[in-house]
């Protein structure tokens, strides 16, 4: 299992990211933690300003993945490393 964390420190711009690996990978799961600003935090008794959601939109083909990291977010992805065909 391979875990990848991407942090987007921009307050207002999403960023497209493409990564190449030495071996083919398969997307397993992903989760995104995001808020309206980088300084957002949750307080007891108040509405949540930081939320999590499952990530579904991951392009994964052979040894390449492409994702879009939303502004002010932390994303965690897990991939299964596949054996390379000979």
PDB file of N, CA and C in Angstrom:
ATOM      1  N   UNK A   1       0.852  -1.180   0.000  1.00  0.00           N
ATOM      2  CA  UNK A   1       0.000   0.000   0.000  1.00  0.00           C
ATOM      3  C   UNK A   1       0.895   1.239   0.000  1.00  0.00           C
ATOM      4  N   UNK A   2       0.515   2.212  -0.781  1.00  0.00           N
ATOM      5  CA  UNK A   2       1.242   3.470  -0.903  1.00  0.00           C
ATOM      6  C   UNK A   2       0.309   4.593  -0.490  1.00  0.00           C
ATOM      7  N   UNK A   3       0.739   5.437   0.449  1.00  0.00           N
ATOM      8  CA  UNK A   3      -0.062   6.573   0.902  1.00  0.00           C
ATOM      9  C   UNK A   3       0.591   7.858   0.431  1.00  0.00           C
ATOM     10  N   UNK A   4      -0.224   8.735  -0.169  1.00  0.00           N
ATOM     11  CA  UNK A   4       0.251  10.004  -0.701  1.00  0.00           C
ATOM     12  C   UNK A   4      -0.549  11.137  -0.068  1.00  0.00           C
ATOM     13  N   UNK A   5       0.138  12.124   0.494  1.00  0.00           N
ATOM     14  CA  UNK A   5      -0.502  13.314   1.074  1.00  0.00           C
ATOM     15  C   UNK A   5      -0.164  14.517   0.207  1.00  0.00           C
ATOM     16  N   UNK A   6      -1.179  15.305  -0.145  1.00  0.00           N
ATOM     17  CA  UNK A   6      -0.961  16.535  -0.901  1.00  0.00           C
ATOM     18  C   UNK A   6      -1.593  17.674  -0.124  1.00  0.00           C
ATOM     19  N   UNK A   7      -0.811  18.728   0.108  1.00  0.00           N
ATOM     20  CA  UNK A   7      -1.292  19.900   0.841  1.00  0.00           C
ATOM     21  C   UNK A   7      -1.282  21.090  -0.099  1.00  0.00           C
ATOM     22  N   UNK A   8      -2.433  21.728  -0.273  1.00  0.00           N
ATOM     23  CA  UNK A   8      -2.524  22.929  -1.102  1.00  0.00           C
ATOM     24  C   UNK A   8      -2.639  24.123  -0.165  1.00  0.00           C
ATOM     25  N   UNK A   9      -1.603  24.946  -0.131  1.00  0.00           N
ATOM     26  CA  UNK A   9      -1.565  26.081   0.798  1.00  0.00           C
ATOM     27  C   UNK A   9      -2.141  27.364   0.204  1.00  0.00           C
ATOM     28  N   UNK A  10      -2.668  27.290  -1.004  1.00  0.00           N
ATOM     29  CA  UNK A  10      -3.305  28.467  -1.594  1.00  0.00           C
ATOM     30  C   UNK A  10      -4.697  28.654  -0.987  1.00  0.00           C
ATOM     31  N   UNK A  11      -5.053  29.895  -0.670  1.00  0.00           N
ATOM     32  CA  UNK A  11      -6.394  30.186  -0.151  1.00  0.00           C
ATOM     33  C   UNK A  11      -7.471  30.146  -1.231  1.00  0.00           C
ATOM     34  N   UNK A  12      -7.078  30.319  -2.495  1.00  0.00           N
ATOM     35  CA  UNK A  12      -8.118  30.481  -3.512  1.00  0.00           C
ATOM     36  C   UNK A  12      -7.878  29.755  -4.827  1.00  0.00           C
ATOM     37  N   UNK A  13      -6.786  29.027  -4.993  1.00  0.00           N
ATOM     38  CA  UNK A  13      -6.523  28.372  -6.273  1.00  0.00           C
ATOM     39  C   UNK A  13      -6.342  26.871  -6.103  1.00  0.00           C
ATOM     40  N   UNK A  14      -7.101  26.105  -6.906  1.00  0.00           N
ATOM     41  CA  UNK A  14      -6.857  24.668  -6.932  1.00  0.00           C
ATOM     42  C   UNK A  14      -5.666  24.397  -7.836  1.00  0.00           C
ATOM     43  N   UNK A  15      -5.089  23.227  -7.677  1.00  0.00           N
ATOM     44  CA  UNK A  15      -3.877  22.904  -8.433  1.00  0.00           C
ATOM     45  C   UNK A  15      -3.978  21.489  -8.987  1.00  0.00           C
ATOM     46  N   UNK A  16      -3.752  21.343 -10.289  1.00  0.00           N
ATOM     47  CA  UNK A  16      -3.706  20.024 -10.918  1.00  0.00           C
ATOM     48  C   UNK A  16      -2.319  19.430 -10.689  1.00  0.00           C
ATOM     49  N   UNK A  17      -2.286  18.161 -10.285  1.00  0.00           N
ATOM     50  CA  UNK A  17      -1.026  17.494  -9.972  1.00  0.00           C
ATOM     51  C   UNK A  17      -0.983  16.163 -10.718  1.00  0.00           C
ATOM     52  N   UNK A  18       0.119  15.891 -11.407  1.00  0.00           N
ATOM     53  CA  UNK A  18       0.342  14.603 -12.050  1.00  0.00           C
ATOM     54  C   UNK A  18       1.635  14.028 -11.497  1.00  0.00           C
ATOM     55  N   UNK A  19       1.572  12.750 -11.117  1.00  0.00           N
ATOM     56  CA  UNK A  19       2.727  12.080 -10.518  1.00  0.00           C
ATOM     57  C   UNK A  19       2.971  10.769 -11.255  1.00  0.00           C
ATOM     58  N   UNK A  20       4.240  10.484 -11.523  1.00  0.00           N
ATOM     59  CA  UNK A  20       4.632   9.237 -12.164  1.00  0.00           C
ATOM     60  C   UNK A  20       5.352   8.365 -11.139  1.00  0.00           C
ATOM     61  N   UNK A  21       5.033   7.071 -11.146  1.00  0.00           N
ATOM     62  CA  UNK A  21       5.646   6.118 -10.231  1.00  0.00           C
ATOM     63  C   UNK A  21       6.528   5.142 -11.007  1.00  0.00           C
ATOM     64  N   UNK A  22       7.357   4.396 -10.294  1.00  0.00           N
ATOM     65  CA  UNK A  22       8.211   3.388 -10.923  1.00  0.00           C
ATOM     66  C   UNK A  22       7.435   2.138 -11.330  1.00  0.00           C
ATOM     67  N   UNK A  23       6.276   1.912 -10.698  1.00  0.00           N
ATOM     68  CA  UNK A  23       5.449   0.738 -10.975  1.00  0.00           C
ATOM     69  C   UNK A  23       4.009   1.178 -11.183  1.00  0.00           C
ATOM     70  N   UNK A  24       3.206   0.353 -11.845  1.00  0.00           N
ATOM     71  CA  UNK A  24       1.788   0.668 -11.994  1.00  0.00           C
ATOM     72  C   UNK A  24       1.093   0.694 -10.631  1.00  0.00           C
ATOM     73  N   UNK A  25       0.113   1.582 -10.492  1.00  0.00           N
ATOM     74  CA  UNK A  25      -0.643   1.681  -9.236  1.00  0.00           C
ATOM     75  C   UNK A  25      -2.144   1.651  -9.530  1.00  0.00           C
ATOM     76  N   UNK A  26      -2.903   1.297  -8.503  1.00  0.00           N
ATOM     77  CA  UNK A  26      -4.359   1.262  -8.584  1.00  0.00           C
ATOM     78  C   UNK A  26      -4.922   2.078  -7.424  1.00  0.00           C
ATOM     79  N   UNK A  27      -5.834   3.000  -7.719  1.00  0.00           N
ATOM     80  CA  UNK A  27      -6.436   3.843  -6.679  1.00  0.00           C
ATOM     81  C   UNK A  27      -7.298   2.982  -5.764  1.00  0.00           C
ATOM     82  N   UNK A  28      -7.136   3.153  -4.451  1.00  0.00           N
ATOM     83  CA  UNK A  28      -7.907   2.399  -3.462  1.00  0.00           C
ATOM     84  C   UNK A  28      -8.911   3.322  -2.768  1.00  0.00           C
ATOM     85  N   UNK A  29      -8.418   4.401  -2.157  1.00  0.00           N
ATOM     86  CA  UNK A  29      -9.305   5.304  -1.425  1.00  0.00           C
ATOM     87  C   UNK A  29      -8.646   6.681  -1.296  1.00  0.00           C
ATOM     88  N   UNK A  30      -9.471   7.680  -1.010  1.00  0.00           N
ATOM     89  CA  UNK A  30      -8.950   9.023  -0.795  1.00  0.00           C
ATOM     90  C   UNK A  30      -9.902   9.841   0.056  1.00  0.00           C
ATOM     91  N   UNK A  31      -9.333  10.777   0.795  1.00  0.00           N
ATOM     92  CA  UNK A  31     -10.147  11.651   1.640  1.00  0.00           C
ATOM     93  C   UNK A  31      -9.526  13.043   1.641  1.00  0.00           C
ATOM     94  N   UNK A  32     -10.395  14.043   1.660  1.00  0.00           N
ATOM     95  CA  UNK A  32      -9.939  15.433   1.608  1.00  0.00           C
ATOM     96  C   UNK A  32     -10.449  16.185   2.834  1.00  0.00           C
ATOM     97  N   UNK A  33      -9.553  16.921   3.460  1.00  0.00           N
ATOM     98  CA  UNK A  33      -9.866  17.791   4.588  1.00  0.00           C
ATOM     99  C   UNK A  33      -9.755  19.217   4.075  1.00  0.00           C
ATOM    100  N   UNK A  34     -10.829  19.987   4.154  1.00  0.00           N
ATOM    101  CA  UNK A  34     -10.792  21.329   3.580  1.00  0.00           C
ATOM    102  C   UNK A  34     -11.598  22.320   4.413  1.00  0.00           C
ATOM    103  N   UNK A  35     -11.218  23.591   4.308  1.00  0.00           N
ATOM    104  CA  UNK A  35     -11.921  24.678   4.979  1.00  0.00           C
ATOM    105  C   UNK A  35     -11.959  25.888   4.066  1.00  0.00           C
ATOM    106  N   UNK A  36     -12.651  26.928   4.495  1.00  0.00           N
ATOM    107  CA  UNK A  36     -12.748  28.125   3.666  1.00  0.00           C
ATOM    108  C   UNK A  36     -11.413  28.861   3.578  1.00  0.00           C
ATOM    109  N   UNK A  37     -10.601  28.767   4.617  1.00  0.00           N
ATOM    110  CA  UNK A  37      -9.282  29.401   4.628  1.00  0.00           C
ATOM    111  C   UNK A  37      -8.281  28.448   5.268  1.00  0.00           C
ATOM    112  N   UNK A  38      -7.011  28.776   5.159  1.00  0.00           N
ATOM    113  CA  UNK A  38      -5.974  27.957   5.785  1.00  0.00           C
ATOM    114  C   UNK A  38      -6.051  27.994   7.304  1.00  0.00           C
ATOM    115  N   UNK A  39      -6.629  29.040   7.855  1.00  0.00           N
ATOM    116  CA  UNK A  39      -6.727  29.198   9.306  1.00  0.00           C
ATOM    117  C   UNK A  39      -8.021  28.624   9.878  1.00  0.00           C
ATOM    118  N   UNK A  40      -8.847  28.019   9.045  1.00  0.00           N
ATOM    119  CA  UNK A  40     -10.129  27.479   9.514  1.00  0.00           C
ATOM    120  C   UNK A  40      -9.900  26.364  10.528  1.00  0.00           C
ATOM    121  N   UNK A  41     -10.799  26.278  11.512  1.00  0.00           N
ATOM    122  CA  UNK A  41     -10.749  25.205  12.515  1.00  0.00           C
ATOM    123  C   UNK A  41     -12.156  24.983  13.059  1.00  0.00           C
ATOM    124  N   UNK A  42     -12.369  23.827  13.648  1.00  0.00           N
ATOM    125  CA  UNK A  42     -13.667  23.496  14.234  1.00  0.00           C
ATOM    126  C   UNK A  42     -13.654  23.774  15.730  1.00  0.00           C
ATOM    127  N   UNK A  43     -14.792  24.265  16.227  1.00  0.00           N
ATOM    128  CA  UNK A  43     -14.964  24.518  17.664  1.00  0.00           C
ATOM    129  C   UNK A  43     -16.199  23.781  18.146  1.00  0.00           C
ATOM    130  N   UNK A  44     -16.138  23.265  19.374  1.00  0.00           N
ATOM    131  CA  UNK A  44     -17.302  22.603  19.953  1.00  0.00           C
ATOM    132  C   UNK A  44     -18.459  23.582  20.057  1.00  0.00           C
ATOM    133  N   UNK A  45     -19.652  23.130  19.696  1.00  0.00           N
ATOM    134  CA  UNK A  45     -20.847  23.959  19.826  1.00  0.00           C
ATOM    135  C   UNK A  45     -21.068  24.929  18.675  1.00  0.00           C
ATOM    136  N   UNK A  46     -20.185  24.924  17.681  1.00  0.00           N
ATOM    137  CA  UNK A  46     -20.327  25.816  16.534  1.00  0.00           C
ATOM    138  C   UNK A  46     -20.353  24.976  15.253  1.00  0.00           C
ATOM    139  N   UNK A  47     -20.931  25.522  14.185  1.00  0.00           N
ATOM    140  CA  UNK A  47     -20.931  24.775  12.911  1.00  0.00           C
ATOM    141  C   UNK A  47     -19.510  24.486  12.437  1.00  0.00           C
ATOM    142  N   UNK A  48     -19.319  23.321  11.820  1.00  0.00           N
ATOM    143  CA  UNK A  48     -17.994  22.946  11.341  1.00  0.00           C
ATOM    144  C   UNK A  48     -17.564  23.828  10.179  1.00  0.00           C
ATOM    145  N   UNK A  49     -16.348  24.318  10.245  1.00  0.00           N
ATOM    146  CA  UNK A  49     -15.791  25.097   9.142  1.00  0.00           C
ATOM    147  C   UNK A  49     -14.753  24.278   8.373  1.00  0.00           C
ATOM    148  N   UNK A  50     -14.299  23.176   8.974  1.00  0.00           N
ATOM    149  CA  UNK A  50     -13.401  22.239   8.321  1.00  0.00           C
ATOM    150  C   UNK A  50     -14.156  20.922   8.182  1.00  0.00           C
ATOM    151  N   UNK A  51     -14.191  20.390   6.965  1.00  0.00           N
ATOM    152  CA  UNK A  51     -14.946  19.168   6.714  1.00  0.00           C
ATOM    153  C   UNK A  51     -14.097  18.155   5.955  1.00  0.00           C
ATOM    154  N   UNK A  52     -14.523  16.907   5.996  1.00  0.00           N
ATOM    155  CA  UNK A  52     -13.868  15.856   5.222  1.00  0.00           C
ATOM    156  C   UNK A  52     -14.864  15.287   4.219  1.00  0.00           C
ATOM    157  N   UNK A  53     -14.325  14.816   3.111  1.00  0.00           N
ATOM    158  CA  UNK A  53     -15.168  14.127   2.135  1.00  0.00           C
ATOM    159  C   UNK A  53     -14.325  13.111   1.388  1.00  0.00           C
ATOM    160  N   UNK A  54     -14.984  12.073   0.901  1.00  0.00           N
ATOM    161  CA  UNK A  54     -14.312  11.054   0.110  1.00  0.00           C
ATOM    162  C   UNK A  54     -13.922  11.635  -1.242  1.00  0.00           C
ATOM    163  N   UNK A  55     -12.770  11.246  -1.730  1.00  0.00           N
ATOM    164  CA  UNK A  55     -12.303  11.671  -3.042  1.00  0.00           C
ATOM    165  C   UNK A  55     -12.624  10.566  -4.045  1.00  0.00           C
ATOM    166  N   UNK A  56     -13.280  10.938  -5.122  1.00  0.00           N
ATOM    167  CA  UNK A  56     -13.647   9.970  -6.155  1.00  0.00           C
ATOM    168  C   UNK A  56     -12.953  10.247  -7.483  1.00  0.00           C
ATOM    169  N   UNK A  57     -12.589  11.488  -7.737  1.00  0.00           N
ATOM    170  CA  UNK A  57     -12.101  11.897  -9.053  1.00  0.00           C
ATOM    171  C   UNK A  57     -10.572  11.825  -9.167  1.00  0.00           C
ATOM    172  N   UNK A  58     -10.072  10.604  -9.257  1.00  0.00           N
ATOM    173  CA  UNK A  58      -8.641  10.363  -9.406  1.00  0.00           C
ATOM    174  C   UNK A  58      -8.421   9.651 -10.739  1.00  0.00           C
ATOM    175  N   UNK A  59      -7.580  10.230 -11.587  1.00  0.00           N
ATOM    176  CA  UNK A  59      -7.223   9.584 -12.845  1.00  0.00           C
ATOM    177  C   UNK A  59      -6.007   8.726 -12.564  1.00  0.00           C
ATOM    178  N   UNK A  60      -6.134   7.453 -12.820  1.00  0.00           N
ATOM    179  CA  UNK A  60      -5.062   6.519 -12.519  1.00  0.00           C
ATOM    180  C   UNK A  60      -4.898   5.576 -13.705  1.00  0.00           C
ATOM    181  N   UNK A  61      -3.741   5.639 -14.366  1.00  0.00           N
ATOM    182  CA  UNK A  61      -3.479   4.756 -15.496  1.00  0.00           C
ATOM    183  C   UNK A  61      -2.038   4.300 -15.440  1.00  0.00           C
ATOM    184  N   UNK A  62      -1.859   2.997 -15.326  1.00  0.00           N
ATOM    185  CA  UNK A  62      -0.533   2.383 -15.248  1.00  0.00           C
ATOM    186  C   UNK A  62       0.292   3.024 -14.121  1.00  0.00           C
ATOM    187  N   UNK A  63       1.379   3.717 -14.479  1.00  0.00           N
ATOM    188  CA  UNK A  63       2.276   4.277 -13.463  1.00  0.00           C
ATOM    189  C   UNK A  63       2.072   5.774 -13.268  1.00  0.00           C
ATOM    190  N   UNK A  64       0.910   6.300 -13.678  1.00  0.00           N
ATOM    191  CA  UNK A  64       0.640   7.741 -13.605  1.00  0.00           C
ATOM    192  C   UNK A  64      -0.693   8.003 -12.911  1.00  0.00           C
ATOM    193  N   UNK A  65      -0.701   9.031 -12.045  1.00  0.00           N
ATOM    194  CA  UNK A  65      -1.958   9.494 -11.450  1.00  0.00           C
ATOM    195  C   UNK A  65      -2.078  10.994 -11.673  1.00  0.00           C
ATOM    196  N   UNK A  66      -3.305  11.459 -11.783  1.00  0.00           N
ATOM    197  CA  UNK A  66      -3.583  12.895 -11.881  1.00  0.00           C
ATOM    198  C   UNK A  66      -4.735  13.211 -10.944  1.00  0.00           C
ATOM    199  N   UNK A  67      -4.542  14.255 -10.135  1.00  0.00           N
ATOM    200  CA  UNK A  67      -5.564  14.697  -9.190  1.00  0.00           C
ATOM    201  C   UNK A  67      -5.631  16.217  -9.219  1.00  0.00           C
ATOM    202  N   UNK A  68      -6.724  16.758  -8.719  1.00  0.00           N
ATOM    203  CA  UNK A  68      -6.839  18.197  -8.551  1.00  0.00           C
ATOM    204  C   UNK A  68      -6.970  18.477  -7.065  1.00  0.00           C
ATOM    205  N   UNK A  69      -6.032  19.255  -6.536  1.00  0.00           N
ATOM    206  CA  UNK A  69      -6.026  19.595  -5.121  1.00  0.00           C
ATOM    207  C   UNK A  69      -6.779  20.913  -4.929  1.00  0.00           C
ATOM    208  N   UNK A  70      -7.862  20.864  -4.180  1.00  0.00           N
ATOM    209  CA  UNK A  70      -8.654  22.070  -3.934  1.00  0.00           C
ATOM    210  C   UNK A  70      -7.884  23.065  -3.068  1.00  0.00           C
ATOM    211  N   UNK A  71      -8.252  24.337  -3.171  1.00  0.00           N
ATOM    212  CA  UNK A  71      -7.611  25.382  -2.368  1.00  0.00           C
ATOM    213  C   UNK A  71      -7.797  25.082  -0.880  1.00  0.00           C
ATOM    214  N   UNK A  72      -6.807  25.425  -0.084  1.00  0.00           N
ATOM    215  CA  UNK A  72      -6.844  25.272   1.380  1.00  0.00           C
ATOM    216  C   UNK A  72      -7.263  23.864   1.786  1.00  0.00           C
ATOM    217  N   UNK A  73      -6.564  22.860   1.255  1.00  0.00           N
ATOM    218  CA  UNK A  73      -6.953  21.480   1.555  1.00  0.00           C
ATOM    219  C   UNK A  73      -5.749  20.586   1.822  1.00  0.00           C
ATOM    220  N   UNK A  74      -6.041  19.490   2.508  1.00  0.00           N
ATOM    221  CA  UNK A  74      -5.099  18.399   2.699  1.00  0.00           C
ATOM    222  C   UNK A  74      -5.786  17.158   2.151  1.00  0.00           C
ATOM    223  N   UNK A  75      -5.131  16.482   1.232  1.00  0.00           N
ATOM    224  CA  UNK A  75      -5.706  15.286   0.622  1.00  0.00           C
ATOM    225  C   UNK A  75      -4.823  14.095   0.919  1.00  0.00           C
ATOM    226  N   UNK A  76      -5.462  12.970   1.239  1.00  0.00           N
ATOM    227  CA  UNK A  76      -4.748  11.725   1.519  1.00  0.00           C
ATOM    228  C   UNK A  76      -5.276  10.665   0.556  1.00  0.00           C
ATOM    229  N   UNK A  77      -4.365  10.067  -0.192  1.00  0.00           N
ATOM    230  CA  UNK A  77      -4.722   9.048  -1.174  1.00  0.00           C
ATOM    231  C   UNK A  77      -4.007   7.758  -0.828  1.00  0.00           C
ATOM    232  N   UNK A  78      -4.660   6.626  -1.112  1.00  0.00           N
ATOM    233  CA  UNK A  78      -3.997   5.340  -0.955  1.00  0.00           C
ATOM    234  C   UNK A  78      -4.091   4.587  -2.269  1.00  0.00           C
ATOM    235  N   UNK A  79      -2.963   3.998  -2.641  1.00  0.00           N
ATOM    236  CA  UNK A  79      -2.847   3.252  -3.886  1.00  0.00           C
ATOM    237  C   UNK A  79      -2.261   1.875  -3.600  1.00  0.00           C
ATOM    238  N   UNK A  80      -2.678   0.928  -4.398  1.00  0.00           N
ATOM    239  CA  UNK A  80      -2.108  -0.404  -4.365  1.00  0.00           C
ATOM    240  C   UNK A  80      -1.085  -0.477  -5.481  1.00  0.00           C
ATOM    241  N   UNK A  81       0.134  -0.895  -5.156  1.00  0.00           N
ATOM    242  CA  UNK A  81       1.178  -1.048  -6.164  1.00  0.00           C
ATOM    243  C   UNK A  81       0.987  -2.389  -6.849  1.00  0.00           C
ATOM    244  N   UNK A  82       0.843  -2.348  -8.172  1.00  0.00           N
ATOM    245  CA  UNK A  82       0.641  -3.582  -8.946  1.00  0.00           C
ATOM    246  C   UNK A  82       1.975  -4.072  -9.473  1.00  0.00           C
ATOM    247  N   UNK A  83       2.041  -5.360  -9.707  1.00  0.00           N
ATOM    248  CA  UNK A  83       3.267  -5.927 -10.277  1.00  0.00           C
ATOM    249  C   UNK A  83       3.353  -5.526 -11.737  1.00  0.00           C
ATOM    250  N   UNK A  84       4.545  -5.182 -12.135  1.00  0.00           N
ATOM    251  CA  UNK A  84       4.789  -4.780 -13.524  1.00  0.00           C
ATOM    252  C   UNK A  84       4.739  -6.015 -14.430  1.00  0.00           C
ATOM    253  N   UNK A  85       4.001  -5.900 -15.538  1.00  0.00           N
ATOM    254  CA  UNK A  85       3.926  -7.008 -16.501  1.00  0.00           C
ATOM    255  C   UNK A  85       5.211  -7.062 -17.289  1.00  0.00           C
ATOM    256  N   UNK A  86       5.686  -8.279 -17.493  1.00  0.00           N
ATOM    257  CA  UNK A  86       6.945  -8.460 -18.219  1.00  0.00           C
ATOM    258  C   UNK A  86       6.673  -8.839 -19.655  1.00  0.00           C
TER     259      UNK A  86
END
